[in-house]
Amino acid sequence: MKSVLVSYADEVYLDAQRKLHQTAYIYGVPLSIPYTRNELIRTSFYLHNKTILDVKKGGGLWLWKPYIIAETLRGMDYGDIALYVDAGMYITGHLSPLISLTKNTDILLFNINHTNKFWTKRDCFVYMDCDSKLYWETMQSAGFLQIYVKSPLSVSFVDEWLKFCQNRDILTDLSNTCGLDNFKGFVDHRHDQSVLSNLRVKYNLPQYPDPTQYGGFLPRHLYNSEVHYSTLFYHHRLRYQKLYIRVLHSLYLTAKRILNFKK
């Protein structure tokens, strides 16, 4: 059995992706598959889904995500473990607590504090045949971190996720065509994450505590409260680091001018 970390980055996230894979090596997952946009655009999958994958938001509304996970599983032996992690994260602790959970389940998904009906457009519920309270009221599963043990179950799950994500009515921000409105209080559609969350309910899968720095704020009744681990990932979205540094530098220069003026 081997464990592999898979991620995806366009040119903006390449430095962050390298840091992620360096920390994976340090903390127990030495094998890596760092997919890039340049690799994606050379595939037949890209040609067949170009209209979605060329959307700026999410580098193609995150459609690449179920694709690269499915491709990773296809190249693995049964029993191997694939960890998908967003490139805007890095690892801060040994991943053995999460790997050990795969003894009990082939699909490890993590809870975030978003009620599904407020973050999923109505077409997604309807065209996935998930338009009922069971799906509306669940808490969403994080798209940024997923763990799969290759098995018939996990392969079927990811293939179904990929299939639904290629449906424009389900994945994209197009207006609803089902004849029903979004729910009162609807905020935004979460694309691949909304599809993932519906499938988790369909497959009756448990959710686990968010292992990032944000996970400690979630009420324990929302996930498997018998599972405990410390913060193992830091979610930073380094895409904005240069802007952040420029803003800090500008504030520093402004403060310096004010102090000099007072002198």
C-alpha atoms as a PDB file:
ATOM      1  CA  MET A   1       0.000   0.000   0.000  1.00  0.00           C
ATOM      2  CA  LYS A   2       1.312   3.435  -0.921  1.00  0.00           C
ATOM      3  CA  SER A   3       0.045   6.962  -0.309  1.00  0.00           C
ATOM      4  CA  VAL A   4       0.202   9.683  -2.977  1.00  0.00           C
ATOM      5  CA  LEU A   5      -0.531  13.387  -2.660  1.00  0.00           C
ATOM      6  CA  VAL A   6      -2.129  14.979  -5.717  1.00  0.00           C
ATOM      7  CA  SER A   7      -2.643  18.688  -6.343  1.00  0.00           C
ATOM      8  CA  TYR A   8      -3.271  21.110  -9.183  1.00  0.00           C
ATOM      9  CA  ALA A   9      -1.836  24.548  -9.942  1.00  0.00           C
ATOM     10  CA  ASP A  10      -1.887  27.158 -12.649  1.00  0.00           C
ATOM     11  CA  GLU A  11       1.146  29.443 -12.979  1.00  0.00           C
ATOM     12  CA  VAL A  12      -0.052  31.671 -10.117  1.00  0.00           C
ATOM     13  CA  TYR A  13       0.002  28.793  -7.628  1.00  0.00           C
ATOM     14  CA  LEU A  14       3.156  26.928  -8.713  1.00  0.00           C
ATOM     15  CA  ASP A  15       5.320  28.201  -5.833  1.00  0.00           C
ATOM     16  CA  ALA A  16       2.611  27.343  -3.329  1.00  0.00           C
ATOM     17  CA  GLN A  17       2.219  23.898  -4.894  1.00  0.00           C
ATOM     18  CA  ARG A  18       5.944  23.224  -4.472  1.00  0.00           C
ATOM     19  CA  LYS A  19       5.722  24.160  -0.799  1.00  0.00           C
ATOM     20  CA  LEU A  20       2.746  21.834  -0.335  1.00  0.00           C
ATOM     21  CA  HIS A  21       4.601  18.864  -1.807  1.00  0.00           C
ATOM     22  CA  GLN A  22       7.745  19.634   0.182  1.00  0.00           C
ATOM     23  CA  THR A  23       5.749  19.539   3.407  1.00  0.00           C
ATOM     24  CA  ALA A  24       4.015  16.332   2.295  1.00  0.00           C
ATOM     25  CA  TYR A  25       7.424  14.683   1.960  1.00  0.00           C
ATOM     26  CA  ILE A  26       8.361  15.831   5.463  1.00  0.00           C
ATOM     27  CA  TYR A  27       5.103  14.682   7.048  1.00  0.00           C
ATOM     28  CA  GLY A  28       4.679  11.181   5.739  1.00  0.00           C
ATOM     29  CA  VAL A  29       3.597  11.289   2.074  1.00  0.00           C
ATOM     30  CA  PRO A  30       6.766  11.213  -0.059  1.00  0.00           C
ATOM     31  CA  LEU A  31       5.021  10.380  -3.356  1.00  0.00           C
ATOM     32  CA  SER A  32       3.549  13.315  -5.263  1.00  0.00           C
ATOM     33  CA  ILE A  33       1.603  14.043  -8.434  1.00  0.00           C
ATOM     34  CA  PRO A  34       1.642  17.831  -8.993  1.00  0.00           C
ATOM     35  CA  TYR A  35      -0.693  18.447 -11.930  1.00  0.00           C
ATOM     36  CA  THR A  36      -0.464  21.773 -13.769  1.00  0.00           C
ATOM     37  CA  ARG A  37      -2.636  23.744 -16.155  1.00  0.00           C
ATOM     38  CA  ASN A  38      -0.105  23.174 -18.934  1.00  0.00           C
ATOM     39  CA  GLU A  39      -0.591  19.414 -18.599  1.00  0.00           C
ATOM     40  CA  LEU A  40      -4.371  19.727 -18.499  1.00  0.00           C
ATOM     41  CA  ILE A  41      -4.711  21.666 -21.748  1.00  0.00           C
ATOM     42  CA  ARG A  42      -2.929  18.882 -23.648  1.00  0.00           C
ATOM     43  CA  THR A  43      -5.587  16.296 -22.747  1.00  0.00           C
ATOM     44  CA  SER A  44      -8.673  15.187 -24.651  1.00  0.00           C
ATOM     45  CA  PHE A  45     -10.632  15.901 -21.472  1.00  0.00           C
ATOM     46  CA  TYR A  46      -9.763  19.575 -21.825  1.00  0.00           C
ATOM     47  CA  LEU A  47     -10.843  19.631 -25.472  1.00  0.00           C
ATOM     48  CA  HIS A  48     -14.190  18.025 -24.618  1.00  0.00           C
ATOM     49  CA  ASN A  49     -14.825  20.433 -21.718  1.00  0.00           C
ATOM     50  CA  LYS A  50     -13.064  23.549 -22.955  1.00  0.00           C
ATOM     51  CA  THR A  51     -16.005  25.918 -22.453  1.00  0.00           C
ATOM     52  CA  ILE A  52     -16.047  25.135 -18.730  1.00  0.00           C
ATOM     53  CA  LEU A  53     -12.299  24.737 -18.195  1.00  0.00           C
ATOM     54  CA  ASP A  54     -11.598  28.124 -19.774  1.00  0.00           C
ATOM     55  CA  VAL A  55     -13.810  29.931 -17.251  1.00  0.00           C
ATOM     56  CA  LYS A  56     -11.522  32.119 -15.149  1.00  0.00           C
ATOM     57  CA  LYS A  57     -13.243  31.362 -11.841  1.00  0.00           C
ATOM     58  CA  GLY A  58     -11.608  28.362 -10.202  1.00  0.00           C
ATOM     59  CA  GLY A  59      -9.407  27.783 -13.236  1.00  0.00           C
ATOM     60  CA  GLY A  60     -12.421  26.203 -14.929  1.00  0.00           C
ATOM     61  CA  LEU A  61     -14.941  26.056 -12.074  1.00  0.00           C
ATOM     62  CA  TRP A  62     -12.756  23.387 -10.444  1.00  0.00           C
ATOM     63  CA  LEU A  63     -13.809  20.790 -13.037  1.00  0.00           C
ATOM     64  CA  TRP A  64     -10.161  19.723 -13.193  1.00  0.00           C
ATOM     65  CA  LYS A  65     -10.404  18.483  -9.596  1.00  0.00           C
ATOM     66  CA  PRO A  66     -12.520  15.335 -10.015  1.00  0.00           C
ATOM     67  CA  TYR A  67     -10.636  14.709 -13.263  1.00  0.00           C
ATOM     68  CA  ILE A  68      -7.162  14.634 -11.698  1.00  0.00           C
ATOM     69  CA  ILE A  69      -8.398  12.564  -8.750  1.00  0.00           C
ATOM     70  CA  ALA A  70     -10.016  10.061 -11.125  1.00  0.00           C
ATOM     71  CA  GLU A  71      -6.822   9.913 -13.194  1.00  0.00           C
ATOM     72  CA  THR A  72      -4.747   9.372 -10.057  1.00  0.00           C
ATOM     73  CA  LEU A  73      -6.955   6.509  -8.890  1.00  0.00           C
ATOM     74  CA  ARG A  74      -6.788   4.908 -12.333  1.00  0.00           C
ATOM     75  CA  GLY A  75      -3.012   4.698 -12.065  1.00  0.00           C
ATOM     76  CA  MET A  76      -2.994   3.172  -8.577  1.00  0.00           C
ATOM     77  CA  ASP A  77      -3.367  -0.334  -7.222  1.00  0.00           C
ATOM     78  CA  TYR A  78      -6.389  -1.277  -5.133  1.00  0.00           C
ATOM     79  CA  GLY A  79      -5.674  -0.415  -1.512  1.00  0.00           C
ATOM     80  CA  ASP A  80      -3.421   2.547  -2.364  1.00  0.00           C
ATOM     81  CA  ILE A  81      -4.340   5.941  -0.911  1.00  0.00           C
ATOM     82  CA  ALA A  82      -4.782   9.201  -2.844  1.00  0.00           C
ATOM     83  CA  LEU A  83      -4.802  12.472  -0.913  1.00  0.00           C
ATOM     84  CA  TYR A  84      -6.066  15.489  -2.815  1.00  0.00           C
ATOM     85  CA  VAL A  85      -4.989  18.814  -1.268  1.00  0.00           C
ATOM     86  CA  ASP A  86      -5.526  22.312  -2.670  1.00  0.00           C
ATOM     87  CA  ALA A  87      -2.323  24.053  -3.739  1.00  0.00           C
ATOM     88  CA  GLY A  88      -3.246  26.951  -1.459  1.00  0.00           C
ATOM     89  CA  MET A  89      -2.413  24.829   1.591  1.00  0.00           C
ATOM     90  CA  TYR A  90       0.601  23.277   3.250  1.00  0.00           C
ATOM     91  CA  ILE A  91       1.002  20.526   5.817  1.00  0.00           C
ATOM     92  CA  THR A  92       1.911  21.280   9.433  1.00  0.00           C
ATOM     93  CA  GLY A  93       1.818  17.876  11.102  1.00  0.00           C
ATOM     94  CA  HIS A  94       2.273  14.181  10.424  1.00  0.00           C
ATOM     95  CA  LEU A  95      -0.647  12.784   8.444  1.00  0.00           C
ATOM     96  CA  SER A  96      -0.736   9.380  10.143  1.00  0.00           C
ATOM     97  CA  PRO A  97      -3.930  10.272  12.118  1.00  0.00           C
ATOM     98  CA  LEU A  98      -5.793  10.762   8.841  1.00  0.00           C
ATOM     99  CA  ILE A  99      -4.210   7.782   7.097  1.00  0.00           C
ATOM    100  CA  SER A 100      -5.242   5.570  10.011  1.00  0.00           C
ATOM    101  CA  LEU A 101      -8.889   6.554   9.487  1.00  0.00           C
ATOM    102  CA  THR A 102      -8.822   4.869   6.086  1.00  0.00           C
ATOM    103  CA  LYS A 103      -8.953   1.531   7.910  1.00  0.00           C
ATOM    104  CA  ASN A 104     -12.639   2.300   8.502  1.00  0.00           C
ATOM    105  CA  THR A 105     -13.657   3.969   5.239  1.00  0.00           C
ATOM    106  CA  ASP A 106     -12.483   4.211   1.640  1.00  0.00           C
ATOM    107  CA  ILE A 107     -13.635   7.837   1.312  1.00  0.00           C
ATOM    108  CA  LEU A 108     -12.605  10.493   3.803  1.00  0.00           C
ATOM    109  CA  LEU A 109     -14.425  13.824   3.514  1.00  0.00           C
ATOM    110  CA  PHE A 110     -14.259  16.778   5.880  1.00  0.00           C
ATOM    111  CA  ASN A 111     -17.009  19.015   7.176  1.00  0.00           C
ATOM    112  CA  ILE A 112     -17.197  22.779   6.743  1.00  0.00           C
ATOM    113  CA  ASN A 113     -19.815  24.956   8.396  1.00  0.00           C
ATOM    114  CA  HIS A 114     -21.903  25.731   5.294  1.00  0.00           C
ATOM    115  CA  THR A 115     -25.510  24.553   5.051  1.00  0.00           C
ATOM    116  CA  ASN A 116     -25.814  22.988   1.618  1.00  0.00           C
ATOM    117  CA  LYS A 117     -28.992  24.771   0.483  1.00  0.00           C
ATOM    118  CA  PHE A 118     -27.395  28.192   0.973  1.00  0.00           C
ATOM    119  CA  TRP A 119     -24.342  27.271  -1.110  1.00  0.00           C
ATOM    120  CA  THR A 120     -25.871  25.120  -3.861  1.00  0.00           C
ATOM    121  CA  LYS A 121     -28.074  26.308  -6.712  1.00  0.00           C
ATOM    122  CA  ARG A 122     -31.370  24.532  -7.247  1.00  0.00           C
ATOM    123  CA  ASP A 123     -30.460  22.978 -10.606  1.00  0.00           C
ATOM    124  CA  CYS A 124     -27.663  21.074  -8.874  1.00  0.00           C
ATOM    125  CA  PHE A 125     -30.131  19.458  -6.480  1.00  0.00           C
ATOM    126  CA  VAL A 126     -32.745  18.746  -9.149  1.00  0.00           C
ATOM    127  CA  TYR A 127     -30.539  17.358 -11.920  1.00  0.00           C
ATOM    128  CA  MET A 128     -28.615  15.163  -9.496  1.00  0.00           C
ATOM    129  CA  ASP A 129     -31.963  13.790  -8.228  1.00  0.00           C
ATOM    130  CA  CYS A 130     -31.101  15.172  -4.787  1.00  0.00           C
ATOM    131  CA  ASP A 131     -33.885  17.725  -4.306  1.00  0.00           C
ATOM    132  CA  SER A 132     -35.023  16.795  -0.806  1.00  0.00           C
ATOM    133  CA  LYS A 133     -34.521  17.994   2.761  1.00  0.00           C
ATOM    134  CA  LEU A 134     -31.886  15.351   3.448  1.00  0.00           C
ATOM    135  CA  TYR A 135     -29.614  17.049   0.901  1.00  0.00           C
ATOM    136  CA  TRP A 136     -30.717  20.637   1.538  1.00  0.00           C
ATOM    137  CA  GLU A 137     -29.941  20.648   5.246  1.00  0.00           C
ATOM    138  CA  THR A 138     -26.637  18.787   5.307  1.00  0.00           C
ATOM    139  CA  MET A 139     -23.370  20.591   5.981  1.00  0.00           C
ATOM    140  CA  GLN A 140     -21.122  20.816   2.944  1.00  0.00           C
ATOM    141  CA  SER A 141     -18.021  18.684   2.545  1.00  0.00           C
ATOM    142  CA  ALA A 142     -14.740  20.487   1.886  1.00  0.00           C
ATOM    143  CA  GLY A 143     -13.516  20.431  -1.674  1.00  0.00           C
ATOM    144  CA  PHE A 144     -10.014  21.474  -0.636  1.00  0.00           C
ATOM    145  CA  LEU A 145      -9.080  18.168   1.046  1.00  0.00           C
ATOM    146  CA  GLN A 146     -10.211  14.641   0.223  1.00  0.00           C
ATOM    147  CA  ILE A 147      -8.715  11.210   0.862  1.00  0.00           C
ATOM    148  CA  TYR A 148      -9.533   8.067  -1.113  1.00  0.00           C
ATOM    149  CA  VAL A 149      -8.491   4.448  -0.747  1.00  0.00           C
ATOM    150  CA  LYS A 150      -8.714   2.931  -4.212  1.00  0.00           C
ATOM    151  CA  SER A 151     -11.614   0.486  -4.181  1.00  0.00           C
ATOM    152  CA  PRO A 152     -14.677  -0.176  -6.349  1.00  0.00           C
ATOM    153  CA  LEU A 153     -16.615   2.197  -4.070  1.00  0.00           C
ATOM    154  CA  SER A 154     -14.185   5.120  -4.271  1.00  0.00           C
ATOM    155  CA  VAL A 155     -13.673   4.733  -8.026  1.00  0.00           C
ATOM    156  CA  SER A 156     -17.444   4.720  -8.574  1.00  0.00           C
ATOM    157  CA  PHE A 157     -17.866   7.764  -6.315  1.00  0.00           C
ATOM    158  CA  VAL A 158     -15.214   9.855  -8.066  1.00  0.00           C
ATOM    159  CA  ASP A 159     -16.390   8.809 -11.534  1.00  0.00           C
ATOM    160  CA  GLU A 160     -19.932   9.885 -10.646  1.00  0.00           C
ATOM    161  CA  TRP A 161     -18.616  13.173  -9.253  1.00  0.00           C
ATOM    162  CA  LEU A 162     -16.729  13.769 -12.496  1.00  0.00           C
ATOM    163  CA  LYS A 163     -19.781  12.916 -14.605  1.00  0.00           C
ATOM    164  CA  PHE A 164     -22.051  15.372 -12.794  1.00  0.00           C
ATOM    165  CA  CYS A 165     -19.412  18.105 -12.839  1.00  0.00           C
ATOM    166  CA  GLN A 166     -19.326  17.967 -16.644  1.00  0.00           C
ATOM    167  CA  ASN A 167     -23.004  18.950 -16.733  1.00  0.00           C
ATOM    168  CA  ARG A 168     -23.165  22.734 -17.231  1.00  0.00           C
ATOM    169  CA  ASP A 169     -26.560  23.061 -15.523  1.00  0.00           C
ATOM    170  CA  ILE A 170     -25.181  21.354 -12.423  1.00  0.00           C
ATOM    171  CA  LEU A 171     -21.691  22.841 -12.174  1.00  0.00           C
ATOM    172  CA  THR A 172     -21.783  26.358 -13.554  1.00  0.00           C
ATOM    173  CA  ASP A 173     -23.276  29.674 -12.450  1.00  0.00           C
ATOM    174  CA  LEU A 174     -25.847  29.639 -15.267  1.00  0.00           C
ATOM    175  CA  SER A 175     -29.381  30.557 -14.208  1.00  0.00           C
ATOM    176  CA  ASN A 176     -31.589  27.678 -13.091  1.00  0.00           C
ATOM    177  CA  THR A 177     -33.502  25.885 -15.829  1.00  0.00           C
ATOM    178  CA  CYS A 178     -35.411  23.440 -13.601  1.00  0.00           C
ATOM    179  CA  GLY A 179     -38.269  25.881 -12.967  1.00  0.00           C
ATOM    180  CA  LEU A 180     -37.523  26.205  -9.244  1.00  0.00           C
ATOM    181  CA  ASP A 181     -35.904  29.080  -7.392  1.00  0.00           C
ATOM    182  CA  ASN A 182     -32.843  28.905  -5.191  1.00  0.00           C
ATOM    183  CA  PHE A 183     -33.633  28.689  -1.493  1.00  0.00           C
ATOM    184  CA  LYS A 184     -34.274  31.811   0.547  1.00  0.00           C
ATOM    185  CA  GLY A 185     -30.920  32.818   2.006  1.00  0.00           C
ATOM    186  CA  PHE A 186     -28.957  31.420  -0.951  1.00  0.00           C
ATOM    187  CA  VAL A 187     -25.469  32.959  -1.034  1.00  0.00           C
ATOM    188  CA  ASP A 188     -23.553  31.379  -3.894  1.00  0.00           C
ATOM    189  CA  HIS A 189     -23.050  28.116  -5.766  1.00  0.00           C
ATOM    190  CA  ARG A 190     -20.002  26.081  -4.753  1.00  0.00           C
ATOM    191  CA  HIS A 191     -19.628  24.129  -8.022  1.00  0.00           C
ATOM    192  CA  ASP A 192     -17.537  20.942  -7.502  1.00  0.00           C
ATOM    193  CA  GLN A 193     -18.003  21.190  -3.729  1.00  0.00           C
ATOM    194  CA  SER A 194     -21.798  21.305  -4.053  1.00  0.00           C
ATOM    195  CA  VAL A 195     -21.758  18.200  -6.247  1.00  0.00           C
ATOM    196  CA  LEU A 196     -19.376  16.478  -3.828  1.00  0.00           C
ATOM    197  CA  SER A 197     -21.634  17.294  -0.874  1.00  0.00           C
ATOM    198  CA  ASN A 198     -24.721  15.871  -2.568  1.00  0.00           C
ATOM    199  CA  LEU A 199     -22.870  12.671  -3.411  1.00  0.00           C
ATOM    200  CA  ARG A 200     -21.638  12.267   0.148  1.00  0.00           C
ATOM    201  CA  VAL A 201     -25.254  12.217   1.316  1.00  0.00           C
ATOM    202  CA  LYS A 202     -26.267   9.860  -1.496  1.00  0.00           C
ATOM    203  CA  TYR A 203     -23.515   7.412  -0.527  1.00  0.00           C
ATOM    204  CA  ASN A 204     -24.303   7.847   3.191  1.00  0.00           C
ATOM    205  CA  LEU A 205     -20.707   8.709   4.060  1.00  0.00           C
ATOM    206  CA  PRO A 206     -19.585  10.171   7.394  1.00  0.00           C
ATOM    207  CA  GLN A 207     -17.873  13.543   7.676  1.00  0.00           C
ATOM    208  CA  TYR A 208     -14.747  14.189   9.704  1.00  0.00           C
ATOM    209  CA  PRO A 209     -13.440  17.311  11.459  1.00  0.00           C
ATOM    210  CA  ASP A 210     -11.770  19.921   9.266  1.00  0.00           C
ATOM    211  CA  PRO A 211      -8.014  19.447   9.951  1.00  0.00           C
ATOM    212  CA  THR A 212      -7.080  23.006   8.928  1.00  0.00           C
ATOM    213  CA  GLN A 213      -6.682  25.977  11.273  1.00  0.00           C
ATOM    214  CA  TYR A 214     -10.405  26.694  10.821  1.00  0.00           C
ATOM    215  CA  GLY A 215     -11.660  23.313  11.999  1.00  0.00           C
ATOM    216  CA  GLY A 216     -11.672  24.059  15.711  1.00  0.00           C
ATOM    217  CA  PHE A 217     -14.531  26.513  15.305  1.00  0.00           C
ATOM    218  CA  LEU A 218     -17.078  23.939  14.108  1.00  0.00           C
ATOM    219  CA  PRO A 219     -19.719  22.591  16.533  1.00  0.00           C
ATOM    220  CA  ARG A 220     -18.851  18.978  17.299  1.00  0.00           C
ATOM    221  CA  HIS A 221     -22.349  17.669  16.520  1.00  0.00           C
ATOM    222  CA  LEU A 222     -21.733  18.457  12.849  1.00  0.00           C
ATOM    223  CA  TYR A 223     -19.195  15.684  12.325  1.00  0.00           C
ATOM    224  CA  ASN A 224     -17.801  12.439  13.755  1.00  0.00           C
ATOM    225  CA  SER A 225     -17.025  13.768  17.240  1.00  0.00           C
ATOM    226  CA  GLU A 226     -15.226  10.575  18.291  1.00  0.00           C
ATOM    227  CA  VAL A 227     -12.305  11.477  16.029  1.00  0.00           C
ATOM    228  CA  HIS A 228      -9.641  13.820  17.373  1.00  0.00           C
ATOM    229  CA  TYR A 229      -6.511  15.249  15.771  1.00  0.00           C
ATOM    230  CA  SER A 230      -4.657  18.527  15.891  1.00  0.00           C
ATOM    231  CA  THR A 231      -4.370  21.060  13.070  1.00  0.00           C
ATOM    232  CA  LEU A 232      -2.562  19.290  10.230  1.00  0.00           C
ATOM    233  CA  PHE A 233      -2.959  21.795   7.379  1.00  0.00           C
ATOM    234  CA  TYR A 234      -2.639  25.531   7.024  1.00  0.00           C
ATOM    235  CA  HIS A 235      -4.930  27.095   4.427  1.00  0.00           C
ATOM    236  CA  HIS A 236      -3.198  30.236   3.182  1.00  0.00           C
ATOM    237  CA  ARG A 237      -4.104  30.871  -0.506  1.00  0.00           C
ATOM    238  CA  LEU A 238      -0.659  32.257  -1.288  1.00  0.00           C
ATOM    239  CA  ARG A 239      -1.924  33.478  -4.617  1.00  0.00           C
ATOM    240  CA  TYR A 240      -2.491  36.802  -2.850  1.00  0.00           C
ATOM    241  CA  GLN A 241       0.845  36.944  -1.025  1.00  0.00           C
ATOM    242  CA  LYS A 242       2.488  39.498  -3.352  1.00  0.00           C
ATOM    243  CA  LEU A 243      -0.511  41.817  -3.085  1.00  0.00           C
ATOM    244  CA  TYR A 244      -0.485  41.395   0.688  1.00  0.00           C
ATOM    245  CA  ILE A 245       3.201  42.322   0.846  1.00  0.00           C
ATOM    246  CA  ARG A 246       2.623  45.386  -1.344  1.00  0.00           C
ATOM    247  CA  VAL A 247      -0.215  46.539   0.905  1.00  0.00           C
ATOM    248  CA  LEU A 248       1.915  46.069   4.022  1.00  0.00           C
ATOM    249  CA  HIS A 249       4.786  47.979   2.422  1.00  0.00           C
ATOM    250  CA  SER A 250       2.451  50.815   1.471  1.00  0.00           C
ATOM    251  CA  LEU A 251       1.124  50.981   5.031  1.00  0.00           C
ATOM    252  CA  TYR A 252       4.684  50.986   6.359  1.00  0.00           C
ATOM    253  CA  LEU A 253       5.688  53.910   4.111  1.00  0.00           C
ATOM    254  CA  THR A 254       2.561  55.845   5.085  1.00  0.00           C
ATOM    255  CA  ALA A 255       3.229  55.309   8.782  1.00  0.00           C
ATOM    256  CA  LYS A 256       6.854  56.323   8.319  1.00  0.00           C
ATOM    257  CA  ARG A 257       5.835  59.577   6.607  1.00  0.00           C
ATOM    258  CA  ILE A 258       3.370  60.372   9.389  1.00  0.00           C
ATOM    259  CA  LEU A 259       5.969  59.755  12.100  1.00  0.00           C
ATOM    260  CA  ASN A 260       8.555  61.867  10.276  1.00  0.00           C
ATOM    261  CA  PHE A 261       5.998  64.663   9.852  1.00  0.00           C
ATOM    262  CA  LYS A 262       5.274  64.664  13.593  1.00  0.00           C
ATOM    263  CA  LYS A 263       8.990  65.016  14.321  1.00  0.00           C
END
